[in-house]
Amino acid sequence: MKIYTKTGDSGTTSLLGGARVSKAHLRIEAYGTVDELNSFLGVLRDQPVNEKRLDLLKEIQDRLFTLGAELATEPGKDKVVKPDLLPSDIELLEKEMDEMEKYLEPLKNFILPGGHPSVSFAHVARCVCRRAERICIALNDESPVDGLVIQYLNRLSDFFFMLGRKMAQELGIEEVKWEPRKNK
């Protein structure tokens, strides 16, 4: 099977369900951004500090494919077979964040991205996740998006923030705290 079909040469693509839409359509932007997030998560997963979290991060990548399938489905095409996103997927993220938080210093400052390349990847993933969430909310304003998709992205961005903090701790890196400039 060839990877190229030439059907998108005119600037359109197919949704699951058969409808053709512009490649600039908000729905395409939504699942394209989720795909971008999944790629950044792959980079994050490949960091040696995350070796013990490989299964968890792979699970999250699997859920991002689920989100992509949901977002790529033509509205009203309920008979399209796709994997389900479940409330338990969100609960897993919450459980993992709660576990990380047990071992972290209480947050008293805003944290600046950086301090170590691996930690920076977590912050990039967090920002791409927030963008995906915003795009899905905008899409929901014009065409219904499953509320679990938006909720999952919201929780996942929090997870990436906590993961960045936990990675910094495990790497022995001091978090870069934001110190606002004082007005004179």
N, C-alpha and C. Protein backbone atom coordinates (compact mmCIF):
# COMPACT_ATOMS: atom_id res chain seq x y z
N MET A 1 0.84 -1.18 0.00
CA MET A 1 0.00 0.00 0.00
C MET A 1 0.88 1.24 0.00
N LYS A 2 0.61 2.15 -0.88
CA LYS A 2 1.37 3.40 -0.95
C LYS A 2 0.89 4.36 0.13
N ILE A 3 1.83 5.15 0.64
CA ILE A 3 1.49 6.11 1.68
C ILE A 3 0.79 7.33 1.08
N TYR A 4 1.08 7.61 -0.16
CA TYR A 4 0.44 8.77 -0.78
C TYR A 4 -0.74 8.34 -1.63
N THR A 5 -1.81 9.15 -1.58
CA THR A 5 -3.03 8.83 -2.31
C THR A 5 -3.33 9.87 -3.39
N LYS A 6 -2.73 11.04 -3.27
CA LYS A 6 -2.95 12.18 -4.16
C LYS A 6 -4.34 12.81 -3.99
N THR A 7 -5.15 12.26 -3.08
CA THR A 7 -6.50 12.81 -2.90
C THR A 7 -6.48 14.14 -2.15
N GLY A 8 -5.37 14.43 -1.48
CA GLY A 8 -5.27 15.68 -0.74
C GLY A 8 -4.57 16.79 -1.50
N ASP A 9 -4.24 16.53 -2.75
CA ASP A 9 -3.49 17.52 -3.53
C ASP A 9 -4.26 18.82 -3.76
N SER A 10 -5.56 18.76 -3.62
CA SER A 10 -6.38 19.96 -3.84
C SER A 10 -6.63 20.72 -2.53
N GLY A 11 -6.02 20.27 -1.43
CA GLY A 11 -6.17 20.97 -0.16
C GLY A 11 -7.31 20.46 0.70
N THR A 12 -7.83 19.28 0.39
CA THR A 12 -8.88 18.69 1.21
C THR A 12 -8.43 17.34 1.73
N THR A 13 -9.12 16.87 2.76
CA THR A 13 -8.84 15.56 3.32
C THR A 13 -10.16 14.94 3.78
N SER A 14 -10.15 13.65 4.02
CA SER A 14 -11.36 12.94 4.45
C SER A 14 -11.39 12.78 5.96
N LEU A 15 -12.58 12.95 6.52
CA LEU A 15 -12.82 12.61 7.91
C LEU A 15 -13.26 11.16 7.98
N LEU A 16 -13.16 10.55 9.16
CA LEU A 16 -13.73 9.22 9.35
C LEU A 16 -15.24 9.38 9.19
N GLY A 17 -15.81 8.67 8.28
CA GLY A 17 -17.22 8.82 7.95
C GLY A 17 -17.38 9.26 6.51
N GLY A 18 -16.28 9.77 5.90
CA GLY A 18 -16.30 10.04 4.47
C GLY A 18 -16.33 11.48 4.02
N ALA A 19 -16.76 12.41 4.85
CA ALA A 19 -16.85 13.81 4.42
C ALA A 19 -15.46 14.35 4.11
N ARG A 20 -15.39 15.17 3.07
CA ARG A 20 -14.13 15.84 2.72
C ARG A 20 -14.22 17.27 3.22
N VAL A 21 -13.14 17.71 3.85
CA VAL A 21 -13.07 19.08 4.38
C VAL A 21 -11.72 19.68 4.03
N SER A 22 -11.64 20.98 4.13
CA SER A 22 -10.38 21.68 3.91
C SER A 22 -9.35 21.24 4.93
N LYS A 23 -8.11 21.14 4.50
CA LYS A 23 -7.04 20.82 5.44
C LYS A 23 -6.83 21.94 6.45
N ALA A 24 -7.43 23.10 6.20
CA ALA A 24 -7.35 24.22 7.14
C ALA A 24 -8.55 24.24 8.10
N HIS A 25 -9.45 23.28 7.99
CA HIS A 25 -10.63 23.20 8.85
C HIS A 25 -10.19 23.06 10.31
N LEU A 26 -10.95 23.65 11.21
CA LEU A 26 -10.64 23.60 12.64
C LEU A 26 -10.56 22.17 13.16
N ARG A 27 -11.36 21.28 12.62
CA ARG A 27 -11.33 19.87 13.05
C ARG A 27 -9.97 19.26 12.71
N ILE A 28 -9.43 19.59 11.54
CA ILE A 28 -8.12 19.07 11.14
C ILE A 28 -7.03 19.68 12.02
N GLU A 29 -7.17 20.97 12.32
CA GLU A 29 -6.23 21.65 13.21
C GLU A 29 -6.24 20.98 14.59
N ALA A 30 -7.42 20.60 15.06
CA ALA A 30 -7.54 19.96 16.38
C ALA A 30 -6.81 18.63 16.41
N TYR A 31 -7.12 17.74 15.47
CA TYR A 31 -6.46 16.44 15.57
C TYR A 31 -5.02 16.49 15.10
N GLY A 32 -4.69 17.46 14.27
CA GLY A 32 -3.28 17.66 13.90
C GLY A 32 -2.45 18.12 15.09
N THR A 33 -3.02 18.95 15.93
CA THR A 33 -2.30 19.42 17.13
C THR A 33 -2.17 18.29 18.15
N VAL A 34 -3.18 17.44 18.25
CA VAL A 34 -3.07 16.27 19.12
C VAL A 34 -1.97 15.35 18.59
N ASP A 35 -1.85 15.22 17.28
CA ASP A 35 -0.79 14.42 16.70
C ASP A 35 0.59 15.03 17.00
N GLU A 36 0.69 16.36 16.89
CA GLU A 36 1.93 17.06 17.25
C GLU A 36 2.28 16.79 18.71
N LEU A 37 1.29 16.87 19.58
CA LEU A 37 1.50 16.58 20.99
C LEU A 37 2.02 15.17 21.19
N ASN A 38 1.45 14.22 20.45
CA ASN A 38 1.86 12.83 20.57
C ASN A 38 3.33 12.67 20.16
N SER A 39 3.74 13.43 19.15
CA SER A 39 5.14 13.38 18.72
C SER A 39 6.07 13.94 19.80
N PHE A 40 5.67 15.05 20.42
CA PHE A 40 6.47 15.59 21.52
C PHE A 40 6.49 14.62 22.69
N LEU A 41 5.40 13.94 22.92
CA LEU A 41 5.36 12.95 23.99
C LEU A 41 6.32 11.81 23.68
N GLY A 42 6.47 11.46 22.41
CA GLY A 42 7.45 10.44 22.03
C GLY A 42 8.86 10.87 22.41
N VAL A 43 9.18 12.14 22.18
CA VAL A 43 10.49 12.68 22.56
C VAL A 43 10.64 12.63 24.08
N LEU A 44 9.60 13.02 24.78
CA LEU A 44 9.62 13.02 26.24
C LEU A 44 9.78 11.60 26.77
N ARG A 45 9.07 10.67 26.17
CA ARG A 45 9.16 9.26 26.59
C ARG A 45 10.57 8.71 26.39
N ASP A 46 11.26 9.19 25.37
CA ASP A 46 12.61 8.70 25.05
C ASP A 46 13.70 9.25 25.97
N GLN A 47 13.36 10.14 26.87
CA GLN A 47 14.35 10.69 27.80
C GLN A 47 14.71 9.64 28.84
N PRO A 48 16.01 9.43 29.08
CA PRO A 48 16.42 8.39 30.04
C PRO A 48 15.77 8.53 31.41
N VAL A 49 15.49 9.74 31.86
CA VAL A 49 14.88 9.94 33.17
C VAL A 49 13.48 9.31 33.24
N ASN A 50 12.86 9.09 32.10
CA ASN A 50 11.51 8.53 32.07
C ASN A 50 11.48 7.02 31.82
N GLU A 51 12.62 6.38 31.95
CA GLU A 51 12.70 4.95 31.68
C GLU A 51 11.68 4.13 32.49
N LYS A 52 11.47 4.52 33.75
CA LYS A 52 10.52 3.76 34.58
C LYS A 52 9.07 4.16 34.30
N ARG A 53 8.86 5.17 33.47
CA ARG A 53 7.50 5.60 33.12
C ARG A 53 7.12 5.25 31.67
N LEU A 54 7.89 4.39 31.03
CA LEU A 54 7.64 4.07 29.62
C LEU A 54 6.22 3.57 29.39
N ASP A 55 5.76 2.66 30.22
CA ASP A 55 4.42 2.10 30.03
C ASP A 55 3.34 3.17 30.20
N LEU A 56 3.48 4.00 31.22
CA LEU A 56 2.52 5.08 31.44
C LEU A 56 2.49 6.04 30.26
N LEU A 57 3.66 6.46 29.81
CA LEU A 57 3.71 7.42 28.70
C LEU A 57 3.21 6.81 27.40
N LYS A 58 3.46 5.52 27.21
CA LYS A 58 2.90 4.82 26.03
C LYS A 58 1.38 4.77 26.13
N GLU A 59 0.86 4.52 27.32
CA GLU A 59 -0.60 4.52 27.55
C GLU A 59 -1.19 5.88 27.17
N ILE A 60 -0.52 6.95 27.56
CA ILE A 60 -1.00 8.29 27.22
C ILE A 60 -0.94 8.50 25.71
N GLN A 61 0.13 8.02 25.07
CA GLN A 61 0.19 8.12 23.60
C GLN A 61 -0.97 7.37 22.95
N ASP A 62 -1.29 6.21 23.47
CA ASP A 62 -2.45 5.45 22.95
C ASP A 62 -3.73 6.26 23.10
N ARG A 63 -3.91 6.92 24.24
CA ARG A 63 -5.12 7.73 24.44
C ARG A 63 -5.13 8.92 23.49
N LEU A 64 -3.97 9.48 23.19
CA LEU A 64 -3.93 10.60 22.23
C LEU A 64 -4.37 10.13 20.84
N PHE A 65 -4.04 8.89 20.47
CA PHE A 65 -4.55 8.35 19.21
C PHE A 65 -6.07 8.21 19.28
N THR A 66 -6.58 7.82 20.44
CA THR A 66 -8.03 7.74 20.64
C THR A 66 -8.66 9.12 20.45
N LEU A 67 -8.07 10.14 21.05
CA LEU A 67 -8.56 11.51 20.88
C LEU A 67 -8.54 11.90 19.41
N GLY A 68 -7.44 11.57 18.74
CA GLY A 68 -7.34 11.89 17.31
C GLY A 68 -8.44 11.25 16.50
N ALA A 69 -8.74 9.99 16.81
CA ALA A 69 -9.82 9.29 16.09
C ALA A 69 -11.17 9.97 16.36
N GLU A 70 -11.39 10.34 17.60
CA GLU A 70 -12.64 11.03 17.95
C GLU A 70 -12.76 12.35 17.19
N LEU A 71 -11.68 13.12 17.18
CA LEU A 71 -11.70 14.42 16.51
C LEU A 71 -11.76 14.30 14.99
N ALA A 72 -11.26 13.19 14.45
CA ALA A 72 -11.24 12.99 13.00
C ALA A 72 -12.54 12.40 12.47
N THR A 73 -13.48 12.13 13.36
CA THR A 73 -14.74 11.52 12.94
C THR A 73 -15.76 12.59 12.58
N GLU A 74 -16.36 12.41 11.43
CA GLU A 74 -17.40 13.31 10.94
C GLU A 74 -18.54 13.39 11.95
N PRO A 75 -18.95 14.58 12.35
CA PRO A 75 -20.06 14.71 13.30
C PRO A 75 -21.29 13.94 12.82
N GLY A 76 -21.94 13.25 13.75
CA GLY A 76 -23.15 12.51 13.42
C GLY A 76 -22.89 11.11 12.90
N LYS A 77 -21.63 10.72 12.74
CA LYS A 77 -21.31 9.38 12.24
C LYS A 77 -21.00 8.46 13.43
N ASP A 78 -22.05 8.19 14.20
CA ASP A 78 -21.90 7.40 15.42
C ASP A 78 -21.56 5.94 15.15
N LYS A 79 -21.76 5.49 13.93
CA LYS A 79 -21.50 4.08 13.63
C LYS A 79 -20.04 3.82 13.25
N VAL A 80 -19.23 4.89 13.16
CA VAL A 80 -17.81 4.71 12.88
C VAL A 80 -17.18 4.03 14.10
N VAL A 81 -16.49 2.93 13.86
CA VAL A 81 -15.87 2.18 14.94
C VAL A 81 -14.55 2.87 15.31
N LYS A 82 -14.42 3.24 16.57
CA LYS A 82 -13.20 3.87 17.07
C LYS A 82 -13.05 3.53 18.54
N PRO A 83 -11.84 3.64 19.07
CA PRO A 83 -11.67 3.33 20.49
C PRO A 83 -12.36 4.38 21.36
N ASP A 84 -12.68 3.99 22.57
CA ASP A 84 -13.37 4.88 23.51
C ASP A 84 -12.39 5.56 24.45
N LEU A 85 -12.68 6.80 24.75
CA LEU A 85 -12.03 7.51 25.84
C LEU A 85 -12.95 7.35 27.05
N LEU A 86 -12.38 6.98 28.18
CA LEU A 86 -13.19 6.66 29.37
C LEU A 86 -12.84 7.60 30.52
N PRO A 87 -13.77 7.82 31.43
CA PRO A 87 -13.44 8.60 32.64
C PRO A 87 -12.23 8.03 33.39
N SER A 88 -12.05 6.73 33.32
CA SER A 88 -10.91 6.11 34.01
C SER A 88 -9.57 6.57 33.42
N ASP A 89 -9.57 7.00 32.16
CA ASP A 89 -8.34 7.54 31.55
C ASP A 89 -7.95 8.85 32.23
N ILE A 90 -8.92 9.65 32.56
CA ILE A 90 -8.67 10.92 33.27
C ILE A 90 -8.26 10.62 34.71
N GLU A 91 -8.92 9.65 35.32
CA GLU A 91 -8.59 9.26 36.70
C GLU A 91 -7.16 8.76 36.80
N LEU A 92 -6.67 8.07 35.77
CA LEU A 92 -5.28 7.61 35.77
C LEU A 92 -4.32 8.79 35.85
N LEU A 93 -4.58 9.83 35.06
CA LEU A 93 -3.73 11.02 35.10
C LEU A 93 -3.76 11.66 36.48
N GLU A 94 -4.93 11.76 37.07
CA GLU A 94 -5.07 12.35 38.40
C GLU A 94 -4.32 11.53 39.44
N LYS A 95 -4.44 10.21 39.36
CA LYS A 95 -3.75 9.32 40.30
C LYS A 95 -2.24 9.49 40.17
N GLU A 96 -1.74 9.55 38.95
CA GLU A 96 -0.30 9.72 38.73
C GLU A 96 0.19 11.07 39.24
N MET A 97 -0.60 12.13 39.04
CA MET A 97 -0.21 13.44 39.55
C MET A 97 -0.20 13.45 41.07
N ASP A 98 -1.20 12.84 41.68
CA ASP A 98 -1.26 12.78 43.14
C ASP A 98 -0.03 12.04 43.69
N GLU A 99 0.36 10.99 43.02
CA GLU A 99 1.53 10.22 43.46
C GLU A 99 2.81 11.05 43.32
N MET A 100 2.97 11.77 42.23
CA MET A 100 4.15 12.62 42.06
C MET A 100 4.19 13.72 43.11
N GLU A 101 3.03 14.29 43.37
CA GLU A 101 2.96 15.43 44.28
C GLU A 101 3.39 15.07 45.70
N LYS A 102 3.20 13.81 46.08
CA LYS A 102 3.60 13.36 47.42
C LYS A 102 5.09 13.61 47.69
N TYR A 103 5.90 13.59 46.63
CA TYR A 103 7.35 13.65 46.78
C TYR A 103 7.94 15.01 46.38
N LEU A 104 7.09 15.95 46.02
CA LEU A 104 7.56 17.26 45.57
C LEU A 104 7.35 18.32 46.65
N GLU A 105 8.22 19.29 46.66
CA GLU A 105 8.04 20.44 47.54
C GLU A 105 6.76 21.17 47.13
N PRO A 106 6.03 21.70 48.11
CA PRO A 106 4.83 22.48 47.74
C PRO A 106 5.21 23.64 46.82
N LEU A 107 4.36 23.91 45.88
CA LEU A 107 4.61 24.96 44.90
C LEU A 107 4.33 26.32 45.52
N LYS A 108 5.35 27.19 45.54
CA LYS A 108 5.20 28.53 46.12
C LYS A 108 5.46 29.62 45.09
N ASN A 109 5.99 29.24 43.93
CA ASN A 109 6.32 30.18 42.86
C ASN A 109 5.87 29.60 41.53
N PHE A 110 5.76 30.49 40.54
CA PHE A 110 5.62 29.99 39.19
C PHE A 110 6.96 29.39 38.79
N ILE A 111 6.91 28.37 37.95
CA ILE A 111 8.11 27.69 37.49
C ILE A 111 8.35 28.07 36.03
N LEU A 112 9.57 28.50 35.73
CA LEU A 112 9.93 28.80 34.35
C LEU A 112 10.35 27.51 33.66
N PRO A 113 9.98 27.33 32.41
CA PRO A 113 10.44 26.16 31.67
C PRO A 113 11.96 26.15 31.59
N GLY A 114 12.56 24.99 31.71
CA GLY A 114 14.00 24.87 31.54
C GLY A 114 14.68 24.23 32.72
N GLY A 115 15.98 24.35 32.72
CA GLY A 115 16.82 23.77 33.76
C GLY A 115 17.52 22.51 33.29
N HIS A 116 16.91 21.81 32.35
CA HIS A 116 17.48 20.58 31.78
C HIS A 116 16.68 20.28 30.51
N PRO A 117 17.35 19.81 29.45
CA PRO A 117 16.61 19.52 28.21
C PRO A 117 15.41 18.59 28.41
N SER A 118 15.54 17.57 29.24
CA SER A 118 14.42 16.64 29.46
C SER A 118 13.23 17.35 30.08
N VAL A 119 13.50 18.21 31.05
CA VAL A 119 12.44 18.97 31.71
C VAL A 119 11.79 19.92 30.71
N SER A 120 12.61 20.52 29.86
CA SER A 120 12.08 21.44 28.85
C SER A 120 11.10 20.73 27.91
N PHE A 121 11.39 19.47 27.57
CA PHE A 121 10.47 18.72 26.72
C PHE A 121 9.10 18.55 27.38
N ALA A 122 9.08 18.38 28.70
CA ALA A 122 7.80 18.27 29.42
C ALA A 122 7.03 19.58 29.30
N HIS A 123 7.73 20.70 29.38
CA HIS A 123 7.06 21.99 29.27
C HIS A 123 6.56 22.26 27.85
N VAL A 124 7.32 21.83 26.85
CA VAL A 124 6.85 21.97 25.47
C VAL A 124 5.59 21.14 25.27
N ALA A 125 5.60 19.91 25.77
CA ALA A 125 4.41 19.06 25.67
C ALA A 125 3.22 19.71 26.37
N ARG A 126 3.46 20.32 27.53
CA ARG A 126 2.38 21.02 28.27
C ARG A 126 1.79 22.14 27.41
N CYS A 127 2.65 22.92 26.78
CA CYS A 127 2.16 24.04 25.97
C CYS A 127 1.41 23.57 24.73
N VAL A 128 1.91 22.55 24.06
CA VAL A 128 1.21 22.00 22.89
C VAL A 128 -0.13 21.41 23.33
N CYS A 129 -0.16 20.78 24.49
CA CYS A 129 -1.41 20.23 25.02
C CYS A 129 -2.42 21.34 25.29
N ARG A 130 -1.98 22.44 25.87
CA ARG A 130 -2.89 23.57 26.11
C ARG A 130 -3.43 24.12 24.79
N ARG A 131 -2.57 24.18 23.77
CA ARG A 131 -3.04 24.66 22.46
C ARG A 131 -4.08 23.70 21.89
N ALA A 132 -3.83 22.40 22.00
CA ALA A 132 -4.81 21.41 21.53
C ALA A 132 -6.13 21.60 22.26
N GLU A 133 -6.07 21.84 23.55
CA GLU A 133 -7.28 22.06 24.34
C GLU A 133 -8.04 23.30 23.84
N ARG A 134 -7.31 24.40 23.60
CA ARG A 134 -7.96 25.62 23.12
C ARG A 134 -8.62 25.41 21.76
N ILE A 135 -7.94 24.68 20.89
CA ILE A 135 -8.49 24.42 19.55
C ILE A 135 -9.74 23.55 19.67
N CYS A 136 -9.71 22.55 20.54
CA CYS A 136 -10.89 21.70 20.72
C CYS A 136 -12.06 22.49 21.29
N ILE A 137 -11.79 23.43 22.17
CA ILE A 137 -12.85 24.28 22.71
C ILE A 137 -13.43 25.15 21.60
N ALA A 138 -12.57 25.71 20.75
CA ALA A 138 -13.05 26.51 19.62
C ALA A 138 -13.87 25.64 18.66
N LEU A 139 -13.41 24.42 18.40
CA LEU A 139 -14.16 23.50 17.54
C LEU A 139 -15.51 23.19 18.16
N ASN A 140 -15.54 22.99 19.46
CA ASN A 140 -16.79 22.70 20.16
C ASN A 140 -17.80 23.84 20.01
N ASP A 141 -17.32 25.05 19.85
CA ASP A 141 -18.22 26.20 19.64
C ASP A 141 -18.97 26.11 18.31
N GLU A 142 -18.39 25.35 17.35
CA GLU A 142 -19.07 25.23 16.05
C GLU A 142 -19.58 23.83 15.75
N SER A 143 -19.04 22.83 16.43
CA SER A 143 -19.44 21.44 16.19
C SER A 143 -19.12 20.65 17.45
N PRO A 144 -20.06 19.86 17.95
CA PRO A 144 -19.85 19.20 19.25
C PRO A 144 -18.57 18.36 19.31
N VAL A 145 -17.85 18.52 20.42
CA VAL A 145 -16.68 17.71 20.74
C VAL A 145 -17.00 17.00 22.06
N ASP A 146 -16.72 15.72 22.12
CA ASP A 146 -16.95 14.95 23.34
C ASP A 146 -16.27 15.67 24.51
N GLY A 147 -17.03 15.93 25.56
CA GLY A 147 -16.51 16.63 26.72
C GLY A 147 -15.32 15.94 27.36
N LEU A 148 -15.25 14.61 27.25
CA LEU A 148 -14.11 13.88 27.81
C LEU A 148 -12.81 14.24 27.09
N VAL A 149 -12.90 14.58 25.80
CA VAL A 149 -11.70 14.98 25.05
C VAL A 149 -11.12 16.25 25.66
N ILE A 150 -11.96 17.23 25.88
CA ILE A 150 -11.50 18.51 26.44
C ILE A 150 -11.00 18.30 27.87
N GLN A 151 -11.74 17.53 28.64
CA GLN A 151 -11.34 17.26 30.02
C GLN A 151 -10.00 16.52 30.07
N TYR A 152 -9.82 15.55 29.18
CA TYR A 152 -8.56 14.79 29.16
C TYR A 152 -7.39 15.71 28.84
N LEU A 153 -7.55 16.57 27.83
CA LEU A 153 -6.46 17.48 27.47
C LEU A 153 -6.15 18.45 28.61
N ASN A 154 -7.19 18.90 29.30
CA ASN A 154 -6.97 19.80 30.43
C ASN A 154 -6.15 19.11 31.52
N ARG A 155 -6.52 17.89 31.85
CA ARG A 155 -5.82 17.16 32.89
C ARG A 155 -4.42 16.77 32.43
N LEU A 156 -4.29 16.44 31.14
CA LEU A 156 -2.99 16.03 30.62
C LEU A 156 -1.98 17.18 30.68
N SER A 157 -2.41 18.40 30.41
CA SER A 157 -1.47 19.52 30.51
C SER A 157 -0.99 19.68 31.95
N ASP A 158 -1.89 19.49 32.92
CA ASP A 158 -1.47 19.51 34.33
C ASP A 158 -0.48 18.38 34.61
N PHE A 159 -0.74 17.22 34.04
CA PHE A 159 0.16 16.08 34.21
C PHE A 159 1.55 16.42 33.71
N PHE A 160 1.66 17.05 32.53
CA PHE A 160 2.97 17.40 31.99
C PHE A 160 3.71 18.39 32.89
N PHE A 161 2.96 19.32 33.50
CA PHE A 161 3.59 20.24 34.43
C PHE A 161 4.17 19.48 35.62
N MET A 162 3.36 18.60 36.20
CA MET A 162 3.83 17.81 37.34
C MET A 162 4.97 16.88 36.94
N LEU A 163 4.90 16.31 35.76
CA LEU A 163 5.97 15.43 35.29
C LEU A 163 7.27 16.21 35.16
N GLY A 164 7.20 17.44 34.64
CA GLY A 164 8.40 18.27 34.54
C GLY A 164 9.01 18.51 35.90
N ARG A 165 8.18 18.78 36.89
CA ARG A 165 8.67 18.99 38.25
C ARG A 165 9.32 17.72 38.80
N LYS A 166 8.65 16.59 38.58
CA LYS A 166 9.17 15.31 39.10
C LYS A 166 10.48 14.95 38.40
N MET A 167 10.54 15.18 37.09
CA MET A 167 11.78 14.89 36.36
C MET A 167 12.92 15.75 36.89
N ALA A 168 12.65 17.03 37.14
CA ALA A 168 13.69 17.92 37.68
C ALA A 168 14.21 17.37 39.01
N GLN A 169 13.28 16.94 39.85
CA GLN A 169 13.68 16.37 41.13
C GLN A 169 14.55 15.14 40.93
N GLU A 170 14.13 14.24 40.07
CA GLU A 170 14.88 13.00 39.84
C GLU A 170 16.24 13.26 39.21
N LEU A 171 16.34 14.32 38.44
CA LEU A 171 17.61 14.68 37.79
C LEU A 171 18.51 15.51 38.71
N GLY A 172 17.97 15.88 39.87
CA GLY A 172 18.74 16.71 40.79
C GLY A 172 18.90 18.14 40.29
N ILE A 173 17.94 18.60 39.52
CA ILE A 173 17.97 19.94 38.93
C ILE A 173 17.07 20.85 39.75
N GLU A 174 17.58 22.00 40.12
CA GLU A 174 16.75 22.97 40.84
C GLU A 174 15.76 23.59 39.86
N GLU A 175 14.49 23.62 40.26
CA GLU A 175 13.49 24.24 39.41
C GLU A 175 13.80 25.73 39.24
N VAL A 176 13.52 26.23 38.05
CA VAL A 176 13.77 27.63 37.75
C VAL A 176 12.52 28.40 38.17
N LYS A 177 12.63 29.08 39.30
CA LYS A 177 11.47 29.81 39.83
C LYS A 177 11.41 31.20 39.21
N TRP A 178 10.19 31.62 38.93
CA TRP A 178 9.99 32.97 38.40
C TRP A 178 10.02 33.96 39.56
N GLU A 179 10.91 34.91 39.44
CA GLU A 179 11.02 35.98 40.43
C GLU A 179 10.61 37.28 39.73
N PRO A 180 9.42 37.77 39.96
CA PRO A 180 8.98 38.98 39.26
C PRO A 180 9.85 40.18 39.63
N ARG A 181 10.12 40.99 38.65
CA ARG A 181 10.90 42.21 38.88
C ARG A 181 10.09 43.14 39.75
N LYS A 182 10.74 43.72 40.71
CA LYS A 182 10.08 44.66 41.63
C LYS A 182 10.07 46.04 40.99
N ASN A 183 8.92 46.71 41.08
CA ASN A 183 8.85 48.10 40.59
C ASN A 183 9.61 49.00 41.54
N LYS A 184 10.33 49.93 40.97
CA LYS A 184 11.10 50.87 41.82
C LYS A 184 10.35 52.13 42.08
